[in-house]
Amino acid sequence: MANVQFITDDHGNRTAVIVPLEDWEKTEKAKDVLEHIYFAGLIDERKGGKATTGLDSLLDEEGRSRAELES
């Protein structure tokens, strides 16, 4: 990541970071891919087992929606 800038407080402690938009977008795409892999792993673990919760409940617990999985 080039051109990363840090915002510091009066004591020099980093409190925020500014990254180029292109780098941010790459990070967000990678995060989305990892979330899909995580959910795929949960589904594989639970295949053949007795359902204890529905997909919508699981997604709700993770702060996600069915629409997000479909995008």
Protein backbone atom coordinates (compact mmCIF):
# COMPACT_ATOMS: atom_id res chain seq x y z
CA MET A 1 0.00 0.00 0.00
CA ALA A 2 1.55 3.21 -1.13
CA ASN A 3 0.81 6.67 0.20
CA VAL A 4 -0.72 5.53 3.47
CA GLN A 5 -1.08 8.41 5.91
CA PHE A 6 -1.59 8.22 9.65
CA ILE A 7 -3.45 10.70 11.80
CA THR A 8 -2.00 11.06 15.27
CA ASP A 9 -3.12 12.61 18.52
CA ASP A 10 -1.16 15.21 20.51
CA HIS A 11 1.05 12.44 21.93
CA GLY A 12 1.97 10.95 18.55
CA ASN A 13 -0.31 7.91 18.96
CA ARG A 14 -1.91 6.75 15.72
CA THR A 15 -5.65 7.28 15.86
CA ALA A 16 -6.68 6.84 12.22
CA VAL A 17 -5.31 5.95 8.81
CA ILE A 18 -5.91 7.28 5.32
CA VAL A 19 -5.40 4.81 2.48
CA PRO A 20 -5.78 5.35 -1.25
CA LEU A 21 -9.27 4.49 -2.48
CA GLU A 22 -7.95 1.81 -4.84
CA ASP A 23 -6.28 -0.01 -1.94
CA TRP A 24 -9.43 0.30 0.17
CA GLU A 25 -11.58 -1.19 -2.61
CA LYS A 26 -9.18 -4.13 -2.98
CA THR A 27 -9.36 -4.74 0.76
CA GLU A 28 -13.16 -4.64 0.74
CA LYS A 29 -13.32 -7.13 -2.17
CA ALA A 30 -10.93 -9.46 -0.35
CA LYS A 31 -13.06 -9.20 2.81
CA ASP A 32 -16.18 -10.13 0.82
CA VAL A 33 -14.44 -13.18 -0.64
CA LEU A 34 -13.29 -14.30 2.82
CA GLU A 35 -16.84 -13.93 4.20
CA HIS A 36 -18.16 -16.14 1.41
CA ILE A 37 -15.48 -18.74 2.15
CA TYR A 38 -16.38 -18.59 5.86
CA PHE A 39 -20.08 -19.18 5.15
CA ALA A 40 -19.28 -21.97 2.69
CA GLY A 41 -17.22 -23.65 5.43
CA LEU A 42 -20.11 -23.38 7.90
CA ILE A 43 -22.45 -24.90 5.36
CA ASP A 44 -20.06 -27.79 4.65
CA GLU A 45 -19.65 -28.48 8.38
CA ARG A 46 -23.38 -28.68 8.89
CA LYS A 47 -24.30 -30.77 5.83
CA GLY A 48 -26.00 -33.98 6.83
CA GLY A 49 -26.49 -32.80 10.39
CA LYS A 50 -29.70 -31.85 12.07
CA ALA A 51 -30.54 -28.21 11.47
CA THR A 52 -30.49 -26.23 14.68
CA THR A 53 -31.01 -22.84 13.07
CA GLY A 54 -32.04 -21.54 9.68
CA LEU A 55 -29.86 -19.72 7.19
CA ASP A 56 -31.59 -16.42 7.83
CA SER A 57 -30.99 -16.73 11.58
CA LEU A 58 -27.34 -17.57 11.01
CA LEU A 59 -26.92 -14.60 8.69
CA ASP A 60 -28.71 -12.36 11.17
CA GLU A 61 -26.30 -13.43 13.92
CA GLU A 62 -23.41 -12.46 11.64
CA GLY A 63 -25.00 -9.11 10.75
CA ARG A 64 -25.54 -10.15 7.15
CA SER A 65 -28.49 -10.71 4.83
CA ARG A 66 -29.45 -13.21 2.17
CA ALA A 67 -29.24 -10.40 -0.43
CA GLU A 68 -25.55 -9.89 0.41
CA LEU A 69 -24.81 -13.54 -0.35
CA GLU A 70 -26.52 -13.25 -3.71
CA SER A 71 -24.52 -10.21 -4.81
